[in-house]
Amino acid sequence: MQPASTVLNVLRTTKDEDSPQHTFLGVGDVPYQNQGHVSSKLEQPGAVRQRLERDLSDIFGTTLHDLPQTREEVLSISQIVGNDGVLLLGPTATETAFKSASLTAFKIIHIAAHGFVDTQFPERSGLVLGVDLASHDDGLLQIREILRLRFNADLVTLSACNTGIGKFQGEEGVTNLVEAFLVSGAKAVVASLWTVDDTFTRALMNRFYSRIAEGHDKATALRQAKIDLLAKYGRQVPPYYWGAFVLVGDGGSPIPLRDQ
């Protein structure tokens, strides 16, 4: 992992770039259990089924558990796509650091974290990142904040639970995290439709990015990654554990990587 000082220097020097200069921005291994009771800051949901989890944490006063697989997930993806980018891991995986990055400078943005959804007030839904005590950010990267950011990524992957769920708004479609990233400039977003398992999500993502690195378009890469896991595990591991992810947006184009 890059030292915090190195990460912040990279973020500062690329802040004003408008076109992709780096391949990858990865966020993971957020230190949830030591970041100051962030779960108590979440709005109460409108229904019991609205849960906060990549694994089994919820927002009813339950301490958020660390997600140990997310560090290796982000590190392995970075190696697959060419080690060209910025990694926000552990203490650097904060909301402040993410928003301070030159977000338009990355082709791929991958966030492996806890997610939460509020289908009654969808603008409150978001991702739970780390807290920087030197800032005013609370660690909750919510839809209303994402809409104020700008992206130019070929792909944003939200490797968390329920990130594809939202509120149906008639002709406007579904208001959720996917819509927020697309409106803010992402060309395609991969998100989940239900609770996802930490270990098997890592396995799926490794296959997904391996297929992207082979030159497949994004939709084919995700489909083939699921076929790979089905072939590997068969009936031993039901698709429920790794099949939650869908792609929305431009799935028909590949992502050119520098070493391809």
C-alpha atoms as a PDB file:
ATOM      1  CA  MET A   1       0.000   0.000   0.000  1.00  0.00           C
ATOM      2  CA  GLN A   2       1.203   3.520  -0.733  1.00  0.00           C
ATOM      3  CA  PRO A   3       2.005   5.658   2.361  1.00  0.00           C
ATOM      4  CA  ALA A   4      -0.651   8.222   3.273  1.00  0.00           C
ATOM      5  CA  SER A   5       1.682  11.107   2.399  1.00  0.00           C
ATOM      6  CA  THR A   6       2.292   9.647  -1.069  1.00  0.00           C
ATOM      7  CA  VAL A   7      -1.409   9.156  -1.668  1.00  0.00           C
ATOM      8  CA  LEU A   8      -2.236  12.728  -0.670  1.00  0.00           C
ATOM      9  CA  ASN A   9       0.537  14.096  -2.897  1.00  0.00           C
ATOM     10  CA  VAL A  10      -0.843  12.142  -5.859  1.00  0.00           C
ATOM     11  CA  LEU A  11      -4.330  13.444  -5.147  1.00  0.00           C
ATOM     12  CA  ARG A  12      -3.117  17.039  -4.962  1.00  0.00           C
ATOM     13  CA  THR A  13      -1.003  16.920  -8.127  1.00  0.00           C
ATOM     14  CA  THR A  14      -3.818  15.411 -10.226  1.00  0.00           C
ATOM     15  CA  LYS A  15      -6.676  17.458  -8.783  1.00  0.00           C
ATOM     16  CA  ASP A  16      -7.246  19.663 -11.817  1.00  0.00           C
ATOM     17  CA  GLU A  17      -6.900  17.107 -14.603  1.00  0.00           C
ATOM     18  CA  ASP A  18      -9.990  16.667 -16.803  1.00  0.00           C
ATOM     19  CA  SER A  19      -9.131  13.523 -18.790  1.00  0.00           C
ATOM     20  CA  PRO A  20      -8.162  10.029 -17.578  1.00  0.00           C
ATOM     21  CA  GLN A  21      -4.479   9.965 -16.598  1.00  0.00           C
ATOM     22  CA  HIS A  22      -4.511   6.836 -14.416  1.00  0.00           C
ATOM     23  CA  THR A  23      -6.093   3.450 -14.901  1.00  0.00           C
ATOM     24  CA  PHE A  24      -7.335   2.651 -11.423  1.00  0.00           C
ATOM     25  CA  LEU A  25      -8.627   4.174  -8.196  1.00  0.00           C
ATOM     26  CA  GLY A  26      -9.280   1.487  -5.587  1.00  0.00           C
ATOM     27  CA  VAL A  27     -10.880   1.922  -2.168  1.00  0.00           C
ATOM     28  CA  GLY A  28     -11.039  -0.818   0.462  1.00  0.00           C
ATOM     29  CA  ASP A  29     -10.133  -2.177   3.890  1.00  0.00           C
ATOM     30  CA  VAL A  30     -11.959   0.632   5.686  1.00  0.00           C
ATOM     31  CA  PRO A  31     -11.261   0.451   9.467  1.00  0.00           C
ATOM     32  CA  TYR A  32     -14.914   0.420  10.490  1.00  0.00           C
ATOM     33  CA  GLN A  33     -14.522  -0.821  14.042  1.00  0.00           C
ATOM     34  CA  ASN A  34     -12.292   2.083  15.037  1.00  0.00           C
ATOM     35  CA  GLN A  35     -13.708   5.070  13.215  1.00  0.00           C
ATOM     36  CA  GLY A  36     -15.968   6.644  15.792  1.00  0.00           C
ATOM     37  CA  HIS A  37     -19.401   4.986  15.794  1.00  0.00           C
ATOM     38  CA  VAL A  38     -20.248   6.003  12.241  1.00  0.00           C
ATOM     39  CA  SER A  39     -23.287   3.706  12.230  1.00  0.00           C
ATOM     40  CA  SER A  40     -25.015   5.911  14.794  1.00  0.00           C
ATOM     41  CA  LYS A  41     -24.944   8.795  12.287  1.00  0.00           C
ATOM     42  CA  LEU A  42     -27.052   6.994   9.707  1.00  0.00           C
ATOM     43  CA  GLU A  43     -30.686   7.948   9.285  1.00  0.00           C
ATOM     44  CA  GLN A  44     -33.096   5.293  10.504  1.00  0.00           C
ATOM     45  CA  PRO A  45     -34.577   3.355   7.558  1.00  0.00           C
ATOM     46  CA  GLY A  46     -38.242   3.169   6.744  1.00  0.00           C
ATOM     47  CA  ALA A  47     -38.410  -0.624   6.945  1.00  0.00           C
ATOM     48  CA  VAL A  48     -36.681  -3.473   8.748  1.00  0.00           C
ATOM     49  CA  ARG A  49     -35.469  -4.976   5.481  1.00  0.00           C
ATOM     50  CA  GLN A  50     -33.321  -1.959   4.675  1.00  0.00           C
ATOM     51  CA  ARG A  51     -29.942  -3.164   5.863  1.00  0.00           C
ATOM     52  CA  LEU A  52     -26.424  -1.843   5.950  1.00  0.00           C
ATOM     53  CA  GLU A  53     -24.020  -4.529   4.854  1.00  0.00           C
ATOM     54  CA  ARG A  54     -21.522  -6.073   2.584  1.00  0.00           C
ATOM     55  CA  ASP A  55     -21.735  -8.918   5.027  1.00  0.00           C
ATOM     56  CA  LEU A  56     -24.241  -8.867   7.920  1.00  0.00           C
ATOM     57  CA  SER A  57     -24.105  -5.453   9.618  1.00  0.00           C
ATOM     58  CA  ASP A  58     -27.199  -3.278   9.877  1.00  0.00           C
ATOM     59  CA  ILE A  59     -27.958   0.259  10.939  1.00  0.00           C
ATOM     60  CA  PHE A  60     -29.846  -0.447  14.145  1.00  0.00           C
ATOM     61  CA  GLY A  61     -26.949   0.325  16.466  1.00  0.00           C
ATOM     62  CA  THR A  62     -24.836  -2.622  15.268  1.00  0.00           C
ATOM     63  CA  THR A  63     -21.110  -1.975  15.033  1.00  0.00           C
ATOM     64  CA  LEU A  64     -19.884  -2.191  11.454  1.00  0.00           C
ATOM     65  CA  HIS A  65     -17.583  -5.152  10.974  1.00  0.00           C
ATOM     66  CA  ASP A  66     -14.339  -4.883   9.030  1.00  0.00           C
ATOM     67  CA  LEU A  67     -14.292  -6.526   5.602  1.00  0.00           C
ATOM     68  CA  PRO A  68     -10.931  -8.332   5.496  1.00  0.00           C
ATOM     69  CA  GLN A  69     -11.245  -9.518   1.887  1.00  0.00           C
ATOM     70  CA  THR A  70     -11.533  -6.003   0.500  1.00  0.00           C
ATOM     71  CA  ARG A  71      -7.821  -5.216   0.884  1.00  0.00           C
ATOM     72  CA  GLU A  72      -6.749  -8.212  -1.183  1.00  0.00           C
ATOM     73  CA  GLU A  73      -9.589  -7.544  -3.611  1.00  0.00           C
ATOM     74  CA  VAL A  74      -8.349  -4.028  -4.359  1.00  0.00           C
ATOM     75  CA  LEU A  75      -4.672  -5.037  -4.430  1.00  0.00           C
ATOM     76  CA  SER A  76      -5.262  -7.927  -6.819  1.00  0.00           C
ATOM     77  CA  ILE A  77      -7.408  -5.834  -9.159  1.00  0.00           C
ATOM     78  CA  SER A  78      -4.703  -3.156  -9.227  1.00  0.00           C
ATOM     79  CA  GLN A  79      -2.184  -5.783 -10.336  1.00  0.00           C
ATOM     80  CA  ILE A  80      -4.547  -7.165 -12.964  1.00  0.00           C
ATOM     81  CA  VAL A  81      -5.173  -3.781 -14.602  1.00  0.00           C
ATOM     82  CA  GLY A  82      -1.535  -2.738 -14.555  1.00  0.00           C
ATOM     83  CA  ASN A  83      -0.637  -1.114 -11.210  1.00  0.00           C
ATOM     84  CA  ASP A  84      -1.314   2.330 -12.673  1.00  0.00           C
ATOM     85  CA  GLY A  85      -3.307   4.305 -10.164  1.00  0.00           C
ATOM     86  CA  VAL A  86      -4.036   5.208  -6.575  1.00  0.00           C
ATOM     87  CA  LEU A  87      -5.004   2.881  -3.726  1.00  0.00           C
ATOM     88  CA  LEU A  88      -6.935   4.150  -0.711  1.00  0.00           C
ATOM     89  CA  LEU A  89      -6.630   1.341   1.828  1.00  0.00           C
ATOM     90  CA  GLY A  90      -6.942   1.180   5.590  1.00  0.00           C
ATOM     91  CA  PRO A  91      -6.518   4.608   7.216  1.00  0.00           C
ATOM     92  CA  THR A  92      -6.394   6.351   3.818  1.00  0.00           C
ATOM     93  CA  ALA A  93      -9.763   4.919   2.711  1.00  0.00           C
ATOM     94  CA  THR A  94     -11.685   7.962   3.874  1.00  0.00           C
ATOM     95  CA  GLU A  95     -14.533   9.925   2.381  1.00  0.00           C
ATOM     96  CA  THR A  96     -12.301  13.005   2.397  1.00  0.00           C
ATOM     97  CA  ALA A  97      -9.480  11.303   0.475  1.00  0.00           C
ATOM     98  CA  PHE A  98     -11.918   9.929  -2.104  1.00  0.00           C
ATOM     99  CA  LYS A  99     -13.569  13.288  -2.731  1.00  0.00           C
ATOM    100  CA  SER A 100     -10.150  14.982  -2.860  1.00  0.00           C
ATOM    101  CA  ALA A 101      -8.951  12.713  -5.660  1.00  0.00           C
ATOM    102  CA  SER A 102      -8.985  13.838  -9.260  1.00  0.00           C
ATOM    103  CA  LEU A 103     -11.961  11.620  -9.937  1.00  0.00           C
ATOM    104  CA  THR A 104     -12.105  12.494 -13.641  1.00  0.00           C
ATOM    105  CA  ALA A 105      -8.546  11.175 -14.064  1.00  0.00           C
ATOM    106  CA  PHE A 106      -9.330   7.478 -13.582  1.00  0.00           C
ATOM    107  CA  LYS A 107     -10.602   4.934 -16.114  1.00  0.00           C
ATOM    108  CA  ILE A 108     -11.721   2.483 -13.418  1.00  0.00           C
ATOM    109  CA  ILE A 109     -12.992   3.274  -9.915  1.00  0.00           C
ATOM    110  CA  HIS A 110     -13.544   0.333  -7.578  1.00  0.00           C
ATOM    111  CA  ILE A 111     -15.049   0.780  -4.108  1.00  0.00           C
ATOM    112  CA  ALA A 112     -15.162  -2.271  -1.812  1.00  0.00           C
ATOM    113  CA  ALA A 113     -17.018  -1.229   1.325  1.00  0.00           C
ATOM    114  CA  HIS A 114     -20.240  -1.364   3.288  1.00  0.00           C
ATOM    115  CA  GLY A 115     -23.235   0.103   1.494  1.00  0.00           C
ATOM    116  CA  PHE A 116     -26.644   1.169   2.721  1.00  0.00           C
ATOM    117  CA  VAL A 117     -29.927   1.851   1.006  1.00  0.00           C
ATOM    118  CA  ASP A 118     -32.985   3.836   2.031  1.00  0.00           C
ATOM    119  CA  THR A 119     -35.763   3.213  -0.482  1.00  0.00           C
ATOM    120  CA  GLN A 120     -38.039   5.776   1.160  1.00  0.00           C
ATOM    121  CA  PHE A 121     -35.507   8.619   0.960  1.00  0.00           C
ATOM    122  CA  PRO A 122     -33.061   7.370  -1.695  1.00  0.00           C
ATOM    123  CA  GLU A 123     -30.859  10.467  -1.601  1.00  0.00           C
ATOM    124  CA  ARG A 124     -29.677   9.252   1.815  1.00  0.00           C
ATOM    125  CA  SER A 125     -28.354   5.955   0.421  1.00  0.00           C
ATOM    126  CA  GLY A 126     -24.625   5.671   0.094  1.00  0.00           C
ATOM    127  CA  LEU A 127     -21.309   4.014   0.851  1.00  0.00           C
ATOM    128  CA  VAL A 128     -19.636   3.951   4.251  1.00  0.00           C
ATOM    129  CA  LEU A 129     -15.991   5.036   4.052  1.00  0.00           C
ATOM    130  CA  GLY A 130     -13.470   6.043   6.682  1.00  0.00           C
ATOM    131  CA  VAL A 131     -13.582   9.199   8.757  1.00  0.00           C
ATOM    132  CA  ASP A 132     -10.803  11.787   8.527  1.00  0.00           C
ATOM    133  CA  LEU A 133     -10.813  13.487  11.915  1.00  0.00           C
ATOM    134  CA  ALA A 134      -9.170  16.569  10.410  1.00  0.00           C
ATOM    135  CA  SER A 135     -12.162  17.184   8.123  1.00  0.00           C
ATOM    136  CA  HIS A 136     -15.883  17.771   8.532  1.00  0.00           C
ATOM    137  CA  ASP A 137     -16.809  14.624   6.575  1.00  0.00           C
ATOM    138  CA  ASP A 138     -18.704  11.918   8.456  1.00  0.00           C
ATOM    139  CA  GLY A 139     -17.560   8.966   6.327  1.00  0.00           C
ATOM    140  CA  LEU A 140     -20.952   8.582   4.611  1.00  0.00           C
ATOM    141  CA  LEU A 141     -20.635   9.118   0.862  1.00  0.00           C
ATOM    142  CA  GLN A 142     -24.308   9.618   0.074  1.00  0.00           C
ATOM    143  CA  ILE A 143     -26.167  10.061  -3.211  1.00  0.00           C
ATOM    144  CA  ARG A 144     -26.716  13.756  -2.587  1.00  0.00           C
ATOM    145  CA  GLU A 145     -22.915  14.158  -2.299  1.00  0.00           C
ATOM    146  CA  ILE A 146     -22.049  11.915  -5.255  1.00  0.00           C
ATOM    147  CA  LEU A 147     -24.231  14.084  -7.484  1.00  0.00           C
ATOM    148  CA  ARG A 148     -21.917  17.019  -6.717  1.00  0.00           C
ATOM    149  CA  LEU A 149     -18.830  15.089  -7.856  1.00  0.00           C
ATOM    150  CA  ARG A 150     -17.599  14.552 -11.417  1.00  0.00           C
ATOM    151  CA  PHE A 151     -16.342  11.352 -13.038  1.00  0.00           C
ATOM    152  CA  ASN A 152     -15.034  10.342 -16.447  1.00  0.00           C
ATOM    153  CA  ALA A 153     -14.554   6.643 -15.730  1.00  0.00           C
ATOM    154  CA  ASP A 154     -15.248   3.860 -18.195  1.00  0.00           C
ATOM    155  CA  LEU A 155     -16.315   1.802 -15.184  1.00  0.00           C
ATOM    156  CA  VAL A 156     -17.308   2.364 -11.558  1.00  0.00           C
ATOM    157  CA  THR A 157     -17.714  -0.824  -9.523  1.00  0.00           C
ATOM    158  CA  LEU A 158     -19.635  -0.624  -6.253  1.00  0.00           C
ATOM    159  CA  SER A 159     -18.472  -3.794  -4.529  1.00  0.00           C
ATOM    160  CA  ALA A 160     -20.944  -3.584  -1.657  1.00  0.00           C
ATOM    161  CA  CYS A 161     -24.408  -4.822  -0.732  1.00  0.00           C
ATOM    162  CA  ASN A 162     -27.623  -3.563  -2.358  1.00  0.00           C
ATOM    163  CA  THR A 163     -25.933  -0.806  -4.367  1.00  0.00           C
ATOM    164  CA  GLY A 164     -28.294  -1.408  -7.300  1.00  0.00           C
ATOM    165  CA  ILE A 165     -31.445  -1.027  -5.208  1.00  0.00           C
ATOM    166  CA  GLY A 166     -33.406   2.211  -5.000  1.00  0.00           C
ATOM    167  CA  LYS A 167     -36.745   3.930  -5.275  1.00  0.00           C
ATOM    168  CA  PHE A 168     -38.791   3.738  -8.467  1.00  0.00           C
ATOM    169  CA  GLN A 169     -39.638   7.286  -9.572  1.00  0.00           C
ATOM    170  CA  GLY A 170     -42.007   6.640 -12.489  1.00  0.00           C
ATOM    171  CA  GLU A 171     -40.686   7.838 -15.835  1.00  0.00           C
ATOM    172  CA  GLU A 172     -37.452   8.934 -14.169  1.00  0.00           C
ATOM    173  CA  GLY A 173     -36.599   5.323 -13.389  1.00  0.00           C
ATOM    174  CA  VAL A 174     -34.878   4.148 -10.213  1.00  0.00           C
ATOM    175  CA  THR A 175     -33.086   6.612  -7.953  1.00  0.00           C
ATOM    176  CA  ASN A 176     -30.073   4.838  -6.476  1.00  0.00           C
ATOM    177  CA  LEU A 177     -26.289   4.871  -6.306  1.00  0.00           C
ATOM    178  CA  VAL A 178     -26.015   3.645  -9.887  1.00  0.00           C
ATOM    179  CA  GLU A 179     -27.991   6.598 -11.203  1.00  0.00           C
ATOM    180  CA  ALA A 180     -25.911   9.015  -9.112  1.00  0.00           C
ATOM    181  CA  PHE A 181     -22.608   7.831 -10.589  1.00  0.00           C
ATOM    182  CA  LEU A 182     -24.006   7.760 -14.144  1.00  0.00           C
ATOM    183  CA  VAL A 183     -25.422  11.279 -13.825  1.00  0.00           C
ATOM    184  CA  SER A 184     -22.041  12.418 -12.509  1.00  0.00           C
ATOM    185  CA  GLY A 185     -20.229  11.123 -15.590  1.00  0.00           C
ATOM    186  CA  ALA A 186     -19.435   7.428 -15.213  1.00  0.00           C
ATOM    187  CA  LYS A 187     -19.989   5.501 -18.436  1.00  0.00           C
ATOM    188  CA  ALA A 188     -20.948   2.218 -16.740  1.00  0.00           C
ATOM    189  CA  VAL A 189     -21.603   1.085 -13.186  1.00  0.00           C
ATOM    190  CA  VAL A 190     -21.491  -2.423 -11.719  1.00  0.00           C
ATOM    191  CA  ALA A 191     -23.700  -2.772  -8.640  1.00  0.00           C
ATOM    192  CA  SER A 192     -25.379  -5.461  -6.536  1.00  0.00           C
ATOM    193  CA  LEU A 193     -29.061  -6.348  -6.220  1.00  0.00           C
ATOM    194  CA  TRP A 194     -28.839  -8.090  -2.848  1.00  0.00           C
ATOM    195  CA  THR A 195     -26.515  -8.891   0.063  1.00  0.00           C
ATOM    196  CA  VAL A 196     -23.100 -10.025  -1.157  1.00  0.00           C
ATOM    197  CA  ASP A 197     -20.608 -12.381   0.437  1.00  0.00           C
ATOM    198  CA  ASP A 198     -17.172 -10.929   1.203  1.00  0.00           C
ATOM    199  CA  THR A 199     -15.136 -13.932   0.044  1.00  0.00           C
ATOM    200  CA  PHE A 200     -17.030 -14.823  -3.131  1.00  0.00           C
ATOM    201  CA  THR A 201     -17.348 -11.188  -4.173  1.00  0.00           C
ATOM    202  CA  ARG A 202     -13.556 -11.037  -4.193  1.00  0.00           C
ATOM    203  CA  ALA A 203     -13.441 -14.160  -6.378  1.00  0.00           C
ATOM    204  CA  LEU A 204     -15.981 -12.726  -8.824  1.00  0.00           C
ATOM    205  CA  MET A 205     -14.190  -9.407  -9.075  1.00  0.00           C
ATOM    206  CA  ASN A 206     -10.853 -11.075  -9.781  1.00  0.00           C
ATOM    207  CA  ARG A 207     -12.397 -12.968 -12.682  1.00  0.00           C
ATOM    208  CA  PHE A 208     -14.284  -9.887 -13.912  1.00  0.00           C
ATOM    209  CA  TYR A 209     -11.176  -7.727 -14.145  1.00  0.00           C
ATOM    210  CA  SER A 210      -9.113 -10.569 -15.570  1.00  0.00           C
ATOM    211  CA  ARG A 211     -11.599 -10.782 -18.428  1.00  0.00           C
ATOM    212  CA  ILE A 212     -11.449  -7.009 -18.893  1.00  0.00           C
ATOM    213  CA  ALA A 213      -7.652  -7.229 -19.061  1.00  0.00           C
ATOM    214  CA  GLU A 214      -8.020  -9.870 -21.775  1.00  0.00           C
ATOM    215  CA  GLY A 215      -9.842  -7.278 -23.894  1.00  0.00           C
ATOM    216  CA  HIS A 216     -13.471  -8.315 -23.409  1.00  0.00           C
ATOM    217  CA  ASP A 217     -16.128  -5.624 -23.284  1.00  0.00           C
ATOM    218  CA  LYS A 218     -17.504  -4.881 -19.825  1.00  0.00           C
ATOM    219  CA  ALA A 219     -20.785  -6.772 -20.144  1.00  0.00           C
ATOM    220  CA  THR A 220     -19.110  -9.868 -21.593  1.00  0.00           C
ATOM    221  CA  ALA A 221     -16.439  -9.733 -18.894  1.00  0.00           C
ATOM    222  CA  LEU A 222     -19.033  -9.761 -16.117  1.00  0.00           C
ATOM    223  CA  ARG A 223     -21.030 -12.534 -17.760  1.00  0.00           C
ATOM    224  CA  GLN A 224     -17.934 -14.645 -18.308  1.00  0.00           C
ATOM    225  CA  ALA A 225     -16.778 -14.076 -14.714  1.00  0.00           C
ATOM    226  CA  LYS A 226     -20.048 -15.577 -13.480  1.00  0.00           C
ATOM    227  CA  ILE A 227     -19.703 -18.510 -15.875  1.00  0.00           C
ATOM    228  CA  ASP A 228     -16.168 -19.049 -14.558  1.00  0.00           C
ATOM    229  CA  LEU A 229     -17.425 -19.299 -10.971  1.00  0.00           C
ATOM    230  CA  LEU A 230     -20.298 -21.548 -11.998  1.00  0.00           C
ATOM    231  CA  ALA A 231     -17.824 -23.859 -13.698  1.00  0.00           C
ATOM    232  CA  LYS A 232     -15.503 -23.803 -10.681  1.00  0.00           C
ATOM    233  CA  TYR A 233     -18.031 -24.304  -7.885  1.00  0.00           C
ATOM    234  CA  GLY A 234     -21.051 -25.877  -9.577  1.00  0.00           C
ATOM    235  CA  ARG A 235     -23.690 -26.829  -7.041  1.00  0.00           C
ATOM    236  CA  GLN A 236     -21.292 -26.464  -4.122  1.00  0.00           C
ATOM    237  CA  VAL A 237     -21.792 -22.687  -4.002  1.00  0.00           C
ATOM    238  CA  PRO A 238     -25.216 -21.357  -5.106  1.00  0.00           C
ATOM    239  CA  PRO A 239     -25.163 -18.331  -7.456  1.00  0.00           C
ATOM    240  CA  TYR A 240     -26.786 -16.336  -4.638  1.00  0.00           C
ATOM    241  CA  TYR A 241     -23.311 -15.859  -3.186  1.00  0.00           C
ATOM    242  CA  TRP A 242     -21.717 -14.387  -6.298  1.00  0.00           C
ATOM    243  CA  GLY A 243     -24.477 -13.567  -8.788  1.00  0.00           C
ATOM    244  CA  ALA A 244     -25.830 -10.319  -7.355  1.00  0.00           C
ATOM    245  CA  PHE A 245     -23.863  -7.966  -9.585  1.00  0.00           C
ATOM    246  CA  VAL A 246     -25.289  -6.328 -12.703  1.00  0.00           C
ATOM    247  CA  LEU A 247     -23.924  -3.765 -15.128  1.00  0.00           C
ATOM    248  CA  VAL A 248     -25.791  -0.583 -16.059  1.00  0.00           C
ATOM    249  CA  GLY A 249     -24.693   1.797 -18.803  1.00  0.00           C
ATOM    250  CA  ASP A 250     -22.198   1.255 -21.612  1.00  0.00           C
ATOM    251  CA  GLY A 251     -21.419  -2.442 -21.371  1.00  0.00           C
ATOM    252  CA  GLY A 252     -20.530  -2.958 -25.025  1.00  0.00           C
ATOM    253  CA  SER A 253     -17.082  -1.405 -25.081  1.00  0.00           C
ATOM    254  CA  PRO A 254     -13.783  -2.696 -23.678  1.00  0.00           C
ATOM    255  CA  ILE A 255     -11.490  -0.680 -21.403  1.00  0.00           C
ATOM    256  CA  PRO A 256      -8.107  -0.168 -23.096  1.00  0.00           C
ATOM    257  CA  LEU A 257      -5.327  -0.751 -20.573  1.00  0.00           C
ATOM    258  CA  ARG A 258      -1.779   0.533 -21.082  1.00  0.00           C
ATOM    259  CA  ASP A 259      -0.176  -2.914 -21.231  1.00  0.00           C
ATOM    260  CA  GLN A 260      -2.692  -4.370 -23.705  1.00  0.00           C
END
